[in-house]
PDB file of all heavy atoms in Angstrom:
ATOM      1  N   THR A   1      -0.335  -3.158  -9.160  1.00  0.00           N
ATOM      2  CA  THR A   1      -0.359  -3.995 -10.366  1.00  0.00           C
ATOM      3  C   THR A   1      -0.245  -5.458 -10.041  1.00  0.00           C
ATOM      4  O   THR A   1      -0.611  -6.350 -10.794  1.00  0.00           O
ATOM      5  CB  THR A   1       0.833  -3.681 -11.302  1.00  0.00           C
ATOM      6  OG1 THR A   1       2.038  -4.064 -10.767  1.00  0.00           O
ATOM      7  CG2 THR A   1       0.854  -2.214 -11.641  1.00  0.00           C
ATOM      8  N   LEU A   2       0.187  -5.773  -8.787  1.00  0.00           N
ATOM      9  CA  LEU A   2       0.357  -7.188  -8.435  1.00  0.00           C
ATOM     10  C   LEU A   2      -0.889  -7.813  -7.795  1.00  0.00           C
ATOM     11  O   LEU A   2      -0.866  -9.012  -7.572  1.00  0.00           O
ATOM     12  CB  LEU A   2       1.569  -7.298  -7.417  1.00  0.00           C
ATOM     13  CG  LEU A   2       2.938  -6.928  -7.951  1.00  0.00           C
ATOM     14  CD1 LEU A   2       3.974  -6.974  -6.849  1.00  0.00           C
ATOM     15  CD2 LEU A   2       3.326  -7.918  -9.115  1.00  0.00           C
ATOM     16  N   VAL A   3      -1.857  -7.006  -7.428  1.00  0.00           N
ATOM     17  CA  VAL A   3      -3.086  -7.559  -6.855  1.00  0.00           C
ATOM     18  C   VAL A   3      -3.859  -8.185  -7.972  1.00  0.00           C
ATOM     19  O   VAL A   3      -4.237  -7.563  -8.928  1.00  0.00           O
ATOM     20  CB  VAL A   3      -3.895  -6.423  -6.124  1.00  0.00           C
ATOM     21  CG1 VAL A   3      -5.200  -7.004  -5.592  1.00  0.00           C
ATOM     22  CG2 VAL A   3      -3.146  -5.733  -5.067  1.00  0.00           C
ATOM     23  N   PRO A   4      -4.233  -9.496  -7.795  1.00  0.00           N
ATOM     24  CA  PRO A   4      -5.004 -10.130  -8.894  1.00  0.00           C
ATOM     25  C   PRO A   4      -6.386  -9.448  -9.034  1.00  0.00           C
ATOM     26  O   PRO A   4      -6.980  -8.992  -8.108  1.00  0.00           O
ATOM     27  CB  PRO A   4      -5.193 -11.588  -8.354  1.00  0.00           C
ATOM     28  CG  PRO A   4      -4.059 -11.757  -7.389  1.00  0.00           C
ATOM     29  CD  PRO A   4      -3.831 -10.437  -6.767  1.00  0.00           C
ATOM     30  N   PRO A   5      -6.880  -9.404 -10.274  1.00  0.00           N
ATOM     31  CA  PRO A   5      -8.112  -8.702 -10.517  1.00  0.00           C
ATOM     32  C   PRO A   5      -9.305  -9.152  -9.616  1.00  0.00           C
ATOM     33  O   PRO A   5     -10.056  -8.379  -9.094  1.00  0.00           O
ATOM     34  CB  PRO A   5      -8.424  -8.982 -11.987  1.00  0.00           C
ATOM     35  CG  PRO A   5      -7.072  -9.117 -12.582  1.00  0.00           C
ATOM     36  CD  PRO A   5      -6.219  -9.805 -11.546  1.00  0.00           C
ATOM     37  N   ALA A   6      -9.319 -10.456  -9.371  1.00  0.00           N
ATOM     38  CA  ALA A   6     -10.457 -11.066  -8.548  1.00  0.00           C
ATOM     39  C   ALA A   6     -10.367 -10.598  -7.080  1.00  0.00           C
ATOM     40  O   ALA A   6     -11.399 -10.563  -6.406  1.00  0.00           O
ATOM     41  CB  ALA A   6     -10.395 -12.602  -8.586  1.00  0.00           C
ATOM     42  N   GLU A   7      -9.138 -10.127  -6.647  1.00  0.00           N
ATOM     43  CA  GLU A   7      -9.016  -9.746  -5.271  1.00  0.00           C
ATOM     44  C   GLU A   7      -9.048  -8.238  -5.018  1.00  0.00           C
ATOM     45  O   GLU A   7      -9.170  -7.760  -3.948  1.00  0.00           O
ATOM     46  CB  GLU A   7      -7.660 -10.294  -4.695  1.00  0.00           C
ATOM     47  CG  GLU A   7      -7.547 -11.775  -4.658  1.00  0.00           C
ATOM     48  CD  GLU A   7      -8.654 -12.402  -3.748  1.00  0.00           C
ATOM     49  OE1 GLU A   7      -8.904 -11.859  -2.667  1.00  0.00           O
ATOM     50  OE2 GLU A   7      -9.234 -13.411  -4.147  1.00  0.00           O
ATOM     51  N   ARG A   8      -9.119  -7.460  -6.151  1.00  0.00           N
ATOM     52  CA  ARG A   8      -9.014  -6.045  -5.974  1.00  0.00           C
ATOM     53  C   ARG A   8     -10.192  -5.420  -5.171  1.00  0.00           C
ATOM     54  O   ARG A   8      -9.894  -4.435  -4.454  1.00  0.00           O
ATOM     55  CB  ARG A   8      -8.914  -5.384  -7.415  1.00  0.00           C
ATOM     56  CG  ARG A   8      -7.584  -5.578  -7.988  1.00  0.00           C
ATOM     57  CD  ARG A   8      -7.419  -5.075  -9.388  1.00  0.00           C
ATOM     58  NE  ARG A   8      -6.124  -5.467  -9.942  1.00  0.00           N
ATOM     59  CZ  ARG A   8      -5.831  -5.386 -11.254  1.00  0.00           C
ATOM     60  NH1 ARG A   8      -6.738  -4.966 -12.096  1.00  0.00           N
ATOM     61  NH2 ARG A   8      -4.593  -5.718 -11.641  1.00  0.00           N
ATOM     62  N   PRO A   9     -11.372  -5.926  -5.196  1.00  0.00           N
ATOM     63  CA  PRO A   9     -12.425  -5.355  -4.387  1.00  0.00           C
ATOM     64  C   PRO A   9     -12.138  -5.477  -2.886  1.00  0.00           C
ATOM     65  O   PRO A   9     -12.744  -4.811  -2.071  1.00  0.00           O
ATOM     66  CB  PRO A   9     -13.714  -6.138  -4.732  1.00  0.00           C
ATOM     67  CG  PRO A   9     -13.367  -6.615  -6.152  1.00  0.00           C
ATOM     68  CD  PRO A   9     -11.910  -7.011  -6.121  1.00  0.00           C
ATOM     69  N   TYR A  10     -11.260  -6.406  -2.529  1.00  0.00           N
ATOM     70  CA  TYR A  10     -11.029  -6.764  -1.067  1.00  0.00           C
ATOM     71  C   TYR A  10      -9.690  -6.294  -0.568  1.00  0.00           C
ATOM     72  O   TYR A  10      -9.362  -6.523   0.544  1.00  0.00           O
ATOM     73  CB  TYR A  10     -11.166  -8.288  -0.899  1.00  0.00           C
ATOM     74  CG  TYR A  10     -12.431  -8.857  -1.577  1.00  0.00           C
ATOM     75  CD1 TYR A  10     -12.265  -9.563  -2.750  1.00  0.00           C
ATOM     76  CD2 TYR A  10     -13.713  -8.640  -1.148  1.00  0.00           C
ATOM     77  CE1 TYR A  10     -13.356 -10.093  -3.436  1.00  0.00           C
ATOM     78  CE2 TYR A  10     -14.779  -9.098  -1.791  1.00  0.00           C
ATOM     79  CZ  TYR A  10     -14.620  -9.879  -2.921  1.00  0.00           C
ATOM     80  OH  TYR A  10     -15.711 -10.354  -3.625  1.00  0.00           O
ATOM     81  N   VAL A  11      -8.868  -5.624  -1.450  1.00  0.00           N
ATOM     82  CA  VAL A  11      -7.513  -5.255  -1.087  1.00  0.00           C
ATOM     83  C   VAL A  11      -7.381  -3.755  -1.247  1.00  0.00           C
ATOM     84  O   VAL A  11      -7.786  -3.137  -2.266  1.00  0.00           O
ATOM     85  CB  VAL A  11      -6.480  -5.995  -1.987  1.00  0.00           C
ATOM     86  CG1 VAL A  11      -5.093  -5.524  -1.639  1.00  0.00           C
ATOM     87  CG2 VAL A  11      -6.632  -7.507  -1.732  1.00  0.00           C
ATOM     88  N   ARG A  12      -6.732  -3.120  -0.287  1.00  0.00           N
ATOM     89  CA  ARG A  12      -6.400  -1.687  -0.363  1.00  0.00           C
ATOM     90  C   ARG A  12      -4.851  -1.610  -0.277  1.00  0.00           C
ATOM     91  O   ARG A  12      -4.278  -2.076   0.713  1.00  0.00           O
ATOM     92  CB  ARG A  12      -7.064  -0.841   0.718  1.00  0.00           C
ATOM     93  CG  ARG A  12      -8.542  -0.898   0.686  1.00  0.00           C
ATOM     94  CD  ARG A  12      -9.145  -0.239  -0.505  1.00  0.00           C
ATOM     95  NE  ARG A  12     -10.653  -0.250  -0.541  1.00  0.00           N
ATOM     96  CZ  ARG A  12     -11.382  -1.203  -1.068  1.00  0.00           C
ATOM     97  NH1 ARG A  12     -10.759  -2.270  -1.732  1.00  0.00           N
ATOM     98  NH2 ARG A  12     -12.645  -1.201  -0.991  1.00  0.00           N
ATOM     99  N   VAL A  13      -4.253  -0.828  -1.183  1.00  0.00           N
ATOM    100  CA  VAL A  13      -2.835  -0.603  -1.137  1.00  0.00           C
ATOM    101  C   VAL A  13      -2.736   0.859  -0.674  1.00  0.00           C
ATOM    102  O   VAL A  13      -3.287   1.770  -1.324  1.00  0.00           O
ATOM    103  CB  VAL A  13      -2.180  -0.778  -2.562  1.00  0.00           C
ATOM    104  CG1 VAL A  13      -0.657  -0.479  -2.368  1.00  0.00           C
ATOM    105  CG2 VAL A  13      -2.397  -2.173  -2.975  1.00  0.00           C
ATOM    106  N   VAL A  14      -1.967   1.101   0.433  1.00  0.00           N
ATOM    107  CA  VAL A  14      -1.877   2.503   0.956  1.00  0.00           C
ATOM    108  C   VAL A  14      -0.385   2.789   1.117  1.00  0.00           C
ATOM    109  O   VAL A  14       0.467   1.909   1.240  1.00  0.00           O
ATOM    110  CB  VAL A  14      -2.621   2.548   2.359  1.00  0.00           C
ATOM    111  CG1 VAL A  14      -4.052   2.188   2.164  1.00  0.00           C
ATOM    112  CG2 VAL A  14      -1.938   1.629   3.390  1.00  0.00           C
ATOM    113  N   GLU A  15      -0.073   4.037   1.154  1.00  0.00           N
ATOM    114  CA  GLU A  15       1.288   4.475   1.331  1.00  0.00           C
ATOM    115  C   GLU A  15       1.348   5.547   2.371  1.00  0.00           C
ATOM    116  O   GLU A  15       0.426   6.433   2.481  1.00  0.00           O
ATOM    117  CB  GLU A  15       1.828   5.004  -0.013  1.00  0.00           C
ATOM    118  CG  GLU A  15       3.280   5.372  -0.025  1.00  0.00           C
ATOM    119  CD  GLU A  15       3.519   6.859   0.175  1.00  0.00           C
ATOM    120  OE1 GLU A  15       2.704   7.627  -0.281  1.00  0.00           O
ATOM    121  OE2 GLU A  15       4.570   7.198   0.846  1.00  0.00           O
ATOM    122  N   GLY A  16       2.336   5.538   3.277  1.00  0.00           N
ATOM    123  CA  GLY A  16       2.485   6.501   4.307  1.00  0.00           C
ATOM    124  C   GLY A  16       1.530   6.220   5.437  1.00  0.00           C
ATOM    125  O   GLY A  16       1.223   7.261   6.147  1.00  0.00           O
ATOM    126  N   ALA A  17       0.999   5.075   5.656  1.00  0.00           N
ATOM    127  CA  ALA A  17       0.049   4.805   6.755  1.00  0.00           C
ATOM    128  C   ALA A  17       0.346   3.455   7.372  1.00  0.00           C
ATOM    129  O   ALA A  17      -0.547   2.758   7.724  1.00  0.00           O
ATOM    130  CB  ALA A  17      -1.382   4.814   6.125  1.00  0.00           C
ATOM    131  N   THR A  18       1.645   3.153   7.586  1.00  0.00           N
ATOM    132  CA  THR A  18       1.938   1.803   8.193  1.00  0.00           C
ATOM    133  C   THR A  18       1.387   1.711   9.609  1.00  0.00           C
ATOM    134  O   THR A  18       0.864   0.650   9.906  1.00  0.00           O
ATOM    135  CB  THR A  18       3.535   1.693   8.185  1.00  0.00           C
ATOM    136  OG1 THR A  18       3.975   1.740   6.870  1.00  0.00           O
ATOM    137  CG2 THR A  18       3.857   0.388   8.813  1.00  0.00           C
ATOM    138  N   ARG A  19       1.506   2.799  10.382  1.00  0.00           N
ATOM    139  CA  ARG A  19       0.999   2.644  11.795  1.00  0.00           C
ATOM    140  C   ARG A  19      -0.499   2.303  11.818  1.00  0.00           C
ATOM    141  O   ARG A  19      -0.894   1.450  12.556  1.00  0.00           O
ATOM    142  CB  ARG A  19       1.189   3.949  12.493  1.00  0.00           C
ATOM    143  CG  ARG A  19       2.678   4.219  12.893  1.00  0.00           C
ATOM    144  CD  ARG A  19       2.793   5.552  13.619  1.00  0.00           C
ATOM    145  NE  ARG A  19       2.457   6.614  12.724  1.00  0.00           N
ATOM    146  CZ  ARG A  19       2.148   7.865  13.108  1.00  0.00           C
ATOM    147  NH1 ARG A  19       2.073   8.163  14.378  1.00  0.00           N
ATOM    148  NH2 ARG A  19       1.877   8.806  12.246  1.00  0.00           N
ATOM    149  N   GLU A  20      -1.284   2.996  11.003  1.00  0.00           N
ATOM    150  CA  GLU A  20      -2.695   2.745  10.951  1.00  0.00           C
ATOM    151  C   GLU A  20      -2.997   1.389  10.449  1.00  0.00           C
ATOM    152  O   GLU A  20      -3.876   0.654  10.949  1.00  0.00           O
ATOM    153  CB  GLU A  20      -3.411   3.770  10.079  1.00  0.00           C
ATOM    154  CG  GLU A  20      -3.474   5.180  10.641  1.00  0.00           C
ATOM    155  CD  GLU A  20      -2.211   6.034  10.339  1.00  0.00           C
ATOM    156  OE1 GLU A  20      -1.280   5.463   9.777  1.00  0.00           O
ATOM    157  OE2 GLU A  20      -2.309   7.236  10.559  1.00  0.00           O
ATOM    158  N   ALA A  21      -2.290   0.899   9.426  1.00  0.00           N
ATOM    159  CA  ALA A  21      -2.509  -0.378   8.819  1.00  0.00           C
ATOM    160  C   ALA A  21      -2.246  -1.514   9.876  1.00  0.00           C
ATOM    161  O   ALA A  21      -3.045  -2.451   9.971  1.00  0.00           O
ATOM    162  CB  ALA A  21      -1.658  -0.646   7.613  1.00  0.00           C
ATOM    163  N   LEU A  22      -1.172  -1.306  10.704  1.00  0.00           N
ATOM    164  CA  LEU A  22      -0.876  -2.352  11.680  1.00  0.00           C
ATOM    165  C   LEU A  22      -1.704  -2.169  12.940  1.00  0.00           C
ATOM    166  O   LEU A  22      -2.158  -3.217  13.474  1.00  0.00           O
ATOM    167  CB  LEU A  22       0.645  -2.149  12.064  1.00  0.00           C
ATOM    168  CG  LEU A  22       1.661  -2.506  11.015  1.00  0.00           C
ATOM    169  CD1 LEU A  22       3.050  -2.144  11.534  1.00  0.00           C
ATOM    170  CD2 LEU A  22       1.605  -4.067  10.693  1.00  0.00           C
ATOM    171  N   ALA A  23      -1.861  -0.970  13.388  1.00  0.00           N
ATOM    172  CA  ALA A  23      -2.554  -0.784  14.664  1.00  0.00           C
ATOM    173  C   ALA A  23      -4.024  -1.277  14.677  1.00  0.00           C
ATOM    174  O   ALA A  23      -4.497  -1.858  15.711  1.00  0.00           O
ATOM    175  CB  ALA A  23      -2.592   0.696  15.053  1.00  0.00           C
ATOM    176  N   TYR A  24      -4.715  -1.160  13.566  1.00  0.00           N
ATOM    177  CA  TYR A  24      -6.148  -1.498  13.481  1.00  0.00           C
ATOM    178  C   TYR A  24      -6.361  -2.880  12.808  1.00  0.00           C
ATOM    179  O   TYR A  24      -7.543  -3.276  12.605  1.00  0.00           O
ATOM    180  CB  TYR A  24      -6.897  -0.406  12.817  1.00  0.00           C
ATOM    181  CG  TYR A  24      -6.840   0.904  13.537  1.00  0.00           C
ATOM    182  CD1 TYR A  24      -6.503   2.062  12.802  1.00  0.00           C
ATOM    183  CD2 TYR A  24      -7.056   0.979  14.885  1.00  0.00           C
ATOM    184  CE1 TYR A  24      -6.431   3.322  13.428  1.00  0.00           C
ATOM    185  CE2 TYR A  24      -6.900   2.268  15.535  1.00  0.00           C
ATOM    186  CZ  TYR A  24      -6.620   3.357  14.842  1.00  0.00           C
ATOM    187  OH  TYR A  24      -6.528   4.594  15.464  1.00  0.00           O
ATOM    188  N   ALA A  25      -5.315  -3.598  12.471  1.00  0.00           N
ATOM    189  CA  ALA A  25      -5.475  -4.873  11.839  1.00  0.00           C
ATOM    190  C   ALA A  25      -5.753  -5.895  12.862  1.00  0.00           C
ATOM    191  O   ALA A  25      -5.411  -5.830  14.034  1.00  0.00           O
ATOM    192  CB  ALA A  25      -4.151  -5.276  11.104  1.00  0.00           C
ATOM    193  N   ARG A  26      -6.449  -6.960  12.402  1.00  0.00           N
ATOM    194  CA  ARG A  26      -6.699  -8.083  13.262  1.00  0.00           C
ATOM    195  C   ARG A  26      -5.455  -8.958  13.442  1.00  0.00           C
ATOM    196  O   ARG A  26      -5.156  -9.484  14.495  1.00  0.00           O
ATOM    197  CB  ARG A  26      -7.915  -8.957  12.778  1.00  0.00           C
ATOM    198  CG  ARG A  26      -8.203 -10.156  13.657  1.00  0.00           C
ATOM    199  CD  ARG A  26      -9.477 -10.836  13.334  1.00  0.00           C
ATOM    200  NE  ARG A  26      -9.763 -11.905  14.271  1.00  0.00           N
ATOM    201  CZ  ARG A  26     -10.278 -11.905  15.448  1.00  0.00           C
ATOM    202  NH1 ARG A  26     -10.566 -10.678  15.995  1.00  0.00           N
ATOM    203  NH2 ARG A  26     -10.488 -12.981  16.128  1.00  0.00           N
ATOM    204  N   ALA A  27      -4.700  -8.974  12.314  1.00  0.00           N
ATOM    205  CA  ALA A  27      -3.423  -9.694  12.372  1.00  0.00           C
ATOM    206  C   ALA A  27      -2.608  -9.085  11.202  1.00  0.00           C
ATOM    207  O   ALA A  27      -3.062  -8.334  10.353  1.00  0.00           O
ATOM    208  CB  ALA A  27      -3.573 -11.203  12.186  1.00  0.00           C
ATOM    209  N   ALA A  28      -1.326  -9.438  11.184  1.00  0.00           N
ATOM    210  CA  ALA A  28      -0.464  -8.900  10.096  1.00  0.00           C
ATOM    211  C   ALA A  28       0.634  -9.964   9.639  1.00  0.00           C
ATOM    212  O   ALA A  28       0.896 -10.857  10.445  1.00  0.00           O
ATOM    213  CB  ALA A  28       0.286  -7.680  10.653  1.00  0.00           C
ATOM    214  N   VAL A  29       1.057  -9.819   8.403  1.00  0.00           N
ATOM    215  CA  VAL A  29       2.222 -10.576   7.960  1.00  0.00           C
ATOM    216  C   VAL A  29       3.249  -9.560   7.498  1.00  0.00           C
ATOM    217  O   VAL A  29       2.957  -8.657   6.669  1.00  0.00           O
ATOM    218  CB  VAL A  29       1.776 -11.456   6.765  1.00  0.00           C
ATOM    219  CG1 VAL A  29       2.983 -12.366   6.348  1.00  0.00           C
ATOM    220  CG2 VAL A  29       0.629 -12.298   7.112  1.00  0.00           C
ATOM    221  N   VAL A  30       4.378  -9.599   8.097  1.00  0.00           N
ATOM    222  CA  VAL A  30       5.405  -8.484   8.039  1.00  0.00           C
ATOM    223  C   VAL A  30       6.742  -9.004   7.615  1.00  0.00           C
ATOM    224  O   VAL A  30       7.250  -9.977   8.221  1.00  0.00           O
ATOM    225  CB  VAL A  30       5.429  -7.762   9.398  1.00  0.00           C
ATOM    226  CG1 VAL A  30       6.399  -6.561   9.256  1.00  0.00           C
ATOM    227  CG2 VAL A  30       4.105  -7.310   9.837  1.00  0.00           C
ATOM    228  N   ALA A  31       7.360  -8.381   6.601  1.00  0.00           N
ATOM    229  CA  ALA A  31       8.712  -8.665   6.283  1.00  0.00           C
ATOM    230  C   ALA A  31       9.704  -8.438   7.421  1.00  0.00           C
ATOM    231  O   ALA A  31       9.552  -7.382   8.144  1.00  0.00           O
ATOM    232  CB  ALA A  31       9.166  -7.850   5.063  1.00  0.00           C
ATOM    233  N   SER A  32      10.582  -9.254   7.646  1.00  0.00           N
ATOM    234  CA  SER A  32      11.531  -9.182   8.787  1.00  0.00           C
ATOM    235  C   SER A  32      12.202  -7.809   8.776  1.00  0.00           C
ATOM    236  O   SER A  32      12.684  -7.304   7.799  1.00  0.00           O
ATOM    237  CB  SER A  32      12.582 -10.322   8.709  1.00  0.00           C
ATOM    238  OG  SER A  32      13.551 -10.194   9.771  1.00  0.00           O
ATOM    239  N   GLY A  33      12.330  -7.247   9.981  1.00  0.00           N
ATOM    240  CA  GLY A  33      12.965  -5.930  10.098  1.00  0.00           C
ATOM    241  C   GLY A  33      12.275  -5.122  11.223  1.00  0.00           C
ATOM    242  O   GLY A  33      11.570  -5.638  11.995  1.00  0.00           O
ATOM    243  N   THR A  34      12.581  -3.780  11.239  1.00  0.00           N
ATOM    244  CA  THR A  34      12.020  -2.946  12.236  1.00  0.00           C
ATOM    245  C   THR A  34      10.520  -2.986  12.248  1.00  0.00           C
ATOM    246  O   THR A  34       9.866  -2.828  13.361  1.00  0.00           O
ATOM    247  CB  THR A  34      12.505  -1.477  12.016  1.00  0.00           C
ATOM    248  OG1 THR A  34      13.884  -1.499  11.948  1.00  0.00           O
ATOM    249  CG2 THR A  34      12.019  -0.555  13.140  1.00  0.00           C
ATOM    250  N   ALA A  35       9.832  -3.140  11.145  1.00  0.00           N
ATOM    251  CA  ALA A  35       8.385  -3.138  11.148  1.00  0.00           C
ATOM    252  C   ALA A  35       7.740  -4.247  12.027  1.00  0.00           C
ATOM    253  O   ALA A  35       6.648  -4.116  12.473  1.00  0.00           O
ATOM    254  CB  ALA A  35       7.835  -3.229   9.692  1.00  0.00           C
ATOM    255  N   THR A  36       8.478  -5.373  12.214  1.00  0.00           N
ATOM    256  CA  THR A  36       7.978  -6.449  13.045  1.00  0.00           C
ATOM    257  C   THR A  36       7.884  -5.909  14.498  1.00  0.00           C
ATOM    258  O   THR A  36       6.998  -6.225  15.249  1.00  0.00           O
ATOM    259  CB  THR A  36       8.853  -7.653  12.971  1.00  0.00           C
ATOM    260  OG1 THR A  36      10.090  -7.469  13.547  1.00  0.00           O
ATOM    261  CG2 THR A  36       8.996  -8.157  11.551  1.00  0.00           C
ATOM    262  N   LEU A  37       8.904  -5.149  14.882  1.00  0.00           N
ATOM    263  CA  LEU A  37       8.904  -4.537  16.267  1.00  0.00           C
ATOM    264  C   LEU A  37       7.810  -3.552  16.363  1.00  0.00           C
ATOM    265  O   LEU A  37       7.180  -3.493  17.420  1.00  0.00           O
ATOM    266  CB  LEU A  37      10.246  -3.997  16.496  1.00  0.00           C
ATOM    267  CG  LEU A  37      10.608  -3.601  17.999  1.00  0.00           C
ATOM    268  CD1 LEU A  37      10.500  -4.812  18.876  1.00  0.00           C
ATOM    269  CD2 LEU A  37      11.960  -3.008  18.049  1.00  0.00           C
ATOM    270  N   GLU A  38       7.606  -2.721  15.338  1.00  0.00           N
ATOM    271  CA  GLU A  38       6.512  -1.749  15.365  1.00  0.00           C
ATOM    272  C   GLU A  38       5.205  -2.414  15.520  1.00  0.00           C
ATOM    273  O   GLU A  38       4.311  -2.001  16.320  1.00  0.00           O
ATOM    274  CB  GLU A  38       6.551  -0.969  14.068  1.00  0.00           C
ATOM    275  CG  GLU A  38       5.519   0.158  13.975  1.00  0.00           C
ATOM    276  CD  GLU A  38       5.664   1.034  12.733  1.00  0.00           C
ATOM    277  OE1 GLU A  38       6.408   0.587  11.806  1.00  0.00           O
ATOM    278  OE2 GLU A  38       5.040   2.085  12.601  1.00  0.00           O
TER     279      GLU A  38
END
């Protein structure tokens, strides 16, 4: 619900796939915590 309508064609929201989202990304922006180490 937070993705602006103009950006929805370019944004995918996924659940249960953090490793894939991070491993194959060109870069990431990550909330401080264990996920930064991952």
